Amino acid sequence: MSSGVNVVEEIIDVETADGPMAVSVKYPDDGRWHPTIAVFHDGPGMRESNHVFNRRLAAEGYRVVMPDLYHRHGRMLGWESSEATDETRAQTMKMLMSMTDDEIQSDMDDALAAIELGDDEKLGTIGFCLGARAIYRTLMRLPERFAVGATWHPSFLADDGDDSPHLTASGLAQPVYIGIGTADQVQSIEMHQPFFDAVASLPHVEVEIFEGADHGYTWPSHPNYHEVAATTSWVKTTALFAEHLPQS
C-alpha cells in the first residue's frame, strides 16, 4: 500500500477505571481486514504530528490504535513544539511523571478491548519517548498477542528501580527495532546503555544509533527533526512489521 490510500479516521470513547478515554483509530478505507498496530504516544501527548504519522502507517495497510494516555487530566491534551510554552511544558511533565506502568498498560488494554480483535490475531506496537518503556512492558506481558515492536528516541528503559526494563531485557523474545541519536541528552545513549547491553546478544533486536540525531527526531514539525534518522527508522520499522504481521 502507499500514501495514496484513503484512510478512515475515528475517535472512539472508551470507559476506563479512571473515566472516559479517547482512542484514535485509523485504517485503510478498503473494507478489508488489516493487522493492528498499538501506538504509545510520547511526552507532548496527542497532537497533529501523531495523527500524521499514524495516518501514514495506516496507509501501509494497518489498523492503527492510539489511546490518550493523559485522559486522567483532560481530553486529548497535546502540544506541538511551536505551541509549547513554559506553562504547557510544566503541565506535560506533571502529566508524564504522574503515570504508572500499570496505568499505561491498562489504557492500552481498554483501547484494544473496544475494537474487534481475533482470538489468535497477532499485533505490533510502536512507541516514542516514554512509549519505549510501554512497548517493552507490552511485549513482555503479552508475548502470545504481540509479535513485534519498535521504538524511536526511547525513554526510561533503564533506571534504579527493581523493575527496570534492563533487568529482564535479555528475555525479550520478539523482534524489536530501536532508534536513538548521539545528540539525545534528554534520554541519552549512556542512560540506556544497561538496556542496550542486555539485548546486545539477541539477534532479533536491532539498536541503531544515528549520528547527530536528537530526541524527537521523528516529527517533521519539530526543531529536532532528523531526516536520515526518521526515514531510516521508518523503513526499518515498516519492513519489520510487514515481515511479522502479514496482510490477509
Protein backbone atom coordinates (compact mmCIF):
# COMPACT_ATOMS: atom_id res chain seq x y z
CA MET A 1 0.00 0.00 0.00
CA SER A 2 1.01 3.64 -0.20
CA SER A 3 0.18 7.14 0.94
CA GLY A 4 -2.38 7.32 -1.88
CA VAL A 5 -4.70 5.02 0.07
CA ASN A 6 -7.76 6.64 1.62
CA VAL A 7 -7.64 6.32 5.40
CA VAL A 8 -10.63 6.24 7.75
CA GLU A 9 -10.02 8.22 10.93
CA GLU A 10 -12.10 7.77 14.07
CA ILE A 11 -12.01 8.90 17.67
CA ILE A 12 -13.85 6.46 19.90
CA ASP A 13 -14.61 6.96 23.57
CA VAL A 14 -13.75 4.09 25.88
CA GLU A 15 -14.65 3.70 29.54
CA THR A 16 -11.78 3.00 31.91
CA ALA A 17 -11.50 2.62 35.68
CA ASP A 18 -10.38 6.26 35.73
CA GLY A 19 -13.08 7.70 33.50
CA PRO A 20 -13.58 8.11 29.74
CA MET A 21 -10.61 7.89 27.40
CA ALA A 22 -10.37 8.95 23.75
CA VAL A 23 -8.80 6.45 21.38
CA SER A 24 -7.60 7.31 17.88
CA VAL A 25 -8.24 4.57 15.31
CA LYS A 26 -7.10 4.79 11.69
CA TYR A 27 -7.31 2.16 8.94
CA PRO A 28 -7.42 1.85 5.13
CA ASP A 29 -10.79 2.56 3.58
CA ASP A 30 -10.93 -0.65 1.56
CA GLY A 31 -13.26 -2.92 3.56
CA ARG A 32 -10.53 -5.48 4.20
CA TRP A 33 -9.03 -6.87 7.41
CA HIS A 34 -5.68 -5.37 8.39
CA PRO A 35 -3.21 -6.15 11.20
CA THR A 36 -3.38 -3.87 14.21
CA ILE A 37 -0.55 -1.65 15.45
CA ALA A 38 -0.79 -0.33 19.01
CA VAL A 39 0.83 3.11 19.34
CA PHE A 40 2.04 4.70 22.58
CA HIS A 41 2.39 8.44 22.15
CA ASP A 42 5.26 10.50 23.52
CA GLY A 43 5.51 13.22 26.15
CA PRO A 44 3.82 16.07 24.23
CA GLY A 45 0.64 13.99 24.02
CA MET A 46 -1.92 13.50 21.25
CA ARG A 47 -1.44 16.15 18.58
CA GLU A 48 -1.41 16.54 14.82
CA SER A 49 2.12 15.15 14.47
CA ASN A 50 0.92 11.84 15.94
CA HIS A 51 -2.08 11.81 13.63
CA VAL A 52 0.09 12.46 10.57
CA PHE A 53 2.38 9.57 11.49
CA ASN A 54 -0.50 7.20 12.29
CA ARG A 55 -2.28 8.14 9.07
CA ARG A 56 0.86 7.29 7.11
CA LEU A 57 1.24 3.99 8.94
CA ALA A 58 -2.41 3.10 8.34
CA ALA A 59 -1.90 3.73 4.63
CA GLU A 60 0.71 0.96 4.67
CA GLY A 61 -2.09 -1.49 5.45
CA TYR A 62 -2.62 -1.41 9.21
CA ARG A 63 -5.28 -0.55 11.72
CA VAL A 64 -3.50 1.93 13.98
CA VAL A 65 -4.80 2.35 17.54
CA MET A 66 -3.53 5.05 19.92
CA PRO A 67 -5.10 5.72 23.33
CA ASP A 68 -4.96 9.11 25.03
CA LEU A 69 -2.62 8.35 27.93
CA TYR A 70 -3.30 11.75 29.50
CA HIS A 71 -7.06 11.21 29.82
CA ARG A 72 -6.86 11.42 33.60
CA HIS A 73 -6.00 15.13 33.21
CA GLY A 74 -8.29 16.13 30.33
CA ARG A 75 -9.35 15.10 26.85
CA MET A 76 -6.73 14.72 24.11
CA LEU A 77 -4.23 17.13 25.61
CA GLY A 78 -1.18 17.69 23.44
CA TRP A 79 1.03 20.41 22.06
CA GLU A 80 3.26 20.79 19.03
CA SER A 81 6.68 22.26 19.68
CA SER A 82 5.56 25.52 18.06
CA GLU A 83 2.72 25.77 20.59
CA ALA A 84 4.78 24.91 23.67
CA THR A 85 5.13 27.45 26.47
CA ASP A 86 6.68 27.26 29.91
CA GLU A 87 3.19 26.52 31.22
CA THR A 88 2.47 23.69 28.77
CA ARG A 89 5.92 22.19 29.31
CA ALA A 90 5.35 22.14 33.06
CA GLN A 91 1.91 20.62 32.57
CA THR A 92 3.30 17.98 30.22
CA MET A 93 6.00 16.99 32.70
CA LYS A 94 3.46 16.82 35.52
CA MET A 95 1.18 14.54 33.48
CA LEU A 96 4.05 12.39 32.23
CA MET A 97 5.51 11.82 35.68
CA SER A 98 2.09 11.04 37.18
CA MET A 99 1.57 7.96 35.03
CA THR A 100 2.45 4.45 36.15
CA ASP A 101 3.37 1.44 34.05
CA ASP A 102 0.19 -0.30 35.17
CA GLU A 103 -1.99 2.65 34.15
CA ILE A 104 -0.44 2.83 30.70
CA GLN A 105 -0.82 -0.91 30.15
CA SER A 106 -4.42 -0.79 31.37
CA ASP A 107 -5.17 2.08 29.00
CA MET A 108 -3.93 0.08 26.02
CA ASP A 109 -5.84 -3.00 27.18
CA ASP A 110 -9.04 -0.94 27.36
CA ALA A 111 -8.40 0.57 23.93
CA LEU A 112 -7.85 -2.82 22.31
CA ALA A 113 -10.87 -4.31 24.07
CA ALA A 114 -13.03 -1.69 22.38
CA ILE A 115 -12.12 -2.86 18.86
CA GLU A 116 -12.67 -6.25 17.25
CA LEU A 117 -9.62 -8.48 17.59
CA GLY A 118 -9.50 -12.10 16.55
CA ASP A 119 -8.67 -14.61 19.27
CA ASP A 120 -5.38 -15.52 17.62
CA GLU A 121 -4.65 -12.17 15.98
CA LYS A 122 -1.05 -11.01 16.27
CA LEU A 123 -0.37 -7.33 16.88
CA GLY A 124 2.56 -4.97 16.58
CA THR A 125 3.42 -1.99 18.72
CA ILE A 126 5.44 1.21 18.41
CA GLY A 127 6.23 3.88 20.96
CA PHE A 128 8.08 7.16 21.07
CA CYS A 129 9.94 8.60 24.07
CA LEU A 130 8.01 7.30 27.12
CA GLY A 131 6.33 4.86 24.74
CA ALA A 132 9.56 2.84 24.66
CA ARG A 133 9.04 1.60 28.19
CA ALA A 134 5.38 0.96 27.35
CA ILE A 135 6.09 -1.20 24.30
CA TYR A 136 8.62 -3.17 26.32
CA ARG A 137 6.10 -3.84 29.08
CA THR A 138 3.50 -4.86 26.50
CA LEU A 139 5.81 -7.23 24.64
CA MET A 140 6.93 -8.92 27.84
CA ARG A 141 3.43 -9.08 29.34
CA LEU A 142 1.60 -10.35 26.25
CA PRO A 143 4.06 -12.38 24.16
CA GLU A 144 1.32 -14.52 22.64
CA ARG A 145 -0.55 -11.45 21.39
CA PHE A 146 2.22 -9.05 20.35
CA ALA A 147 4.58 -10.30 17.67
CA VAL A 148 6.83 -7.30 17.00
CA GLY A 149 7.75 -3.87 18.31
CA ALA A 150 9.65 -0.67 17.61
CA THR A 151 10.66 2.44 19.50
CA TRP A 152 12.25 5.68 18.33
CA HIS A 153 14.19 8.06 20.62
CA PRO A 154 13.34 5.94 23.68
CA SER A 155 12.99 6.97 27.31
CA PHE A 156 13.03 5.15 30.65
CA LEU A 157 14.44 1.79 29.53
CA ALA A 158 16.91 1.74 32.43
CA ASP A 159 16.61 3.14 35.94
CA ASP A 160 17.45 2.30 39.54
CA GLY A 161 14.18 0.52 40.25
CA ASP A 162 13.79 -3.17 40.99
CA ASP A 163 11.55 -3.45 37.93
CA SER A 164 13.73 -1.51 35.49
CA PRO A 165 13.30 -2.90 31.95
CA HIS A 166 17.01 -3.54 31.53
CA LEU A 167 16.94 -6.16 34.27
CA THR A 168 14.75 -8.51 32.23
CA ALA A 169 15.53 -7.33 28.70
CA SER A 170 17.66 -10.36 27.91
CA GLY A 171 14.42 -12.37 27.90
CA LEU A 172 12.81 -10.32 25.15
CA ALA A 173 11.53 -12.86 22.63
CA GLN A 174 10.02 -10.72 19.86
CA PRO A 175 11.87 -8.79 17.17
CA VAL A 176 12.30 -5.12 18.09
CA TYR A 177 13.81 -2.12 16.32
CA ILE A 178 15.24 0.73 18.44
CA GLY A 179 16.47 4.02 17.01
CA ILE A 180 18.36 6.62 19.06
CA GLY A 181 20.59 9.61 18.29
CA THR A 182 24.01 10.61 19.57
CA ALA A 183 22.77 14.16 20.28
CA ASP A 184 19.95 12.99 22.54
CA GLN A 185 20.63 14.37 26.01
CA VAL A 186 17.01 14.15 27.18
CA GLN A 187 17.34 10.36 27.34
CA SER A 188 20.87 9.68 26.18
CA ILE A 189 22.56 6.58 24.85
CA GLU A 190 24.53 6.42 28.09
CA MET A 191 21.33 6.37 30.14
CA HIS A 192 20.06 3.44 28.08
CA GLN A 193 23.33 1.55 27.88
CA PRO A 194 22.30 -1.04 30.52
CA PHE A 195 19.30 -1.94 28.36
CA PHE A 196 21.34 -1.99 25.16
CA ASP A 197 23.92 -4.23 26.83
CA ALA A 198 21.16 -6.61 27.94
CA VAL A 199 19.83 -7.06 24.39
CA ALA A 200 23.20 -6.99 22.61
CA SER A 201 23.29 -10.77 22.27
CA LEU A 202 19.74 -11.00 20.88
CA PRO A 203 19.88 -11.27 17.08
CA HIS A 204 16.23 -10.22 16.75
CA VAL A 205 16.75 -6.86 18.48
CA GLU A 206 18.37 -4.05 16.49
CA VAL A 207 19.67 -0.90 18.16
CA GLU A 208 20.53 1.71 15.55
CA ILE A 209 22.47 4.83 16.51
CA PHE A 210 22.15 7.95 14.38
CA GLU A 211 25.00 10.43 14.42
CA GLY A 212 23.73 13.90 15.28
CA ALA A 213 20.09 12.92 15.80
CA ASP A 214 18.36 14.33 18.88
CA HIS A 215 15.32 13.46 20.99
CA GLY A 216 12.12 13.79 18.97
CA TYR A 217 13.81 13.19 15.62
CA THR A 218 10.59 11.64 14.26
CA TRP A 219 8.44 14.71 13.80
CA PRO A 220 8.89 16.98 10.71
CA SER A 221 7.32 19.92 12.60
CA HIS A 222 9.79 19.60 15.48
CA PRO A 223 13.10 21.55 15.57
CA ASN A 224 14.88 18.24 16.27
CA TYR A 225 13.57 16.53 13.14
CA HIS A 226 16.36 14.48 11.58
CA GLU A 227 15.56 13.30 8.07
CA VAL A 228 18.08 10.45 7.93
CA ALA A 229 17.08 9.07 11.33
CA ALA A 230 13.35 9.44 10.69
CA THR A 231 13.50 7.95 7.19
CA THR A 232 15.74 5.05 8.15
CA SER A 233 13.65 4.25 11.23
CA TRP A 234 10.51 4.29 9.09
CA VAL A 235 11.99 1.91 6.52
CA LYS A 236 13.33 -0.48 9.16
CA THR A 237 10.13 -0.43 11.22
CA THR A 238 7.70 -0.90 8.37
CA ALA A 239 9.83 -3.74 6.97
CA LEU A 240 9.78 -5.44 10.37
CA PHE A 241 6.02 -5.03 10.65
CA ALA A 242 5.49 -6.36 7.13
CA GLU A 243 7.60 -9.43 7.90
CA HIS A 244 5.87 -10.36 11.15
CA LEU A 245 2.34 -9.06 10.55
CA PRO A 246 1.38 -10.35 7.10
CA GLN A 247 -1.63 -8.85 5.37
CA SER A 248 -4.63 -11.05 4.59
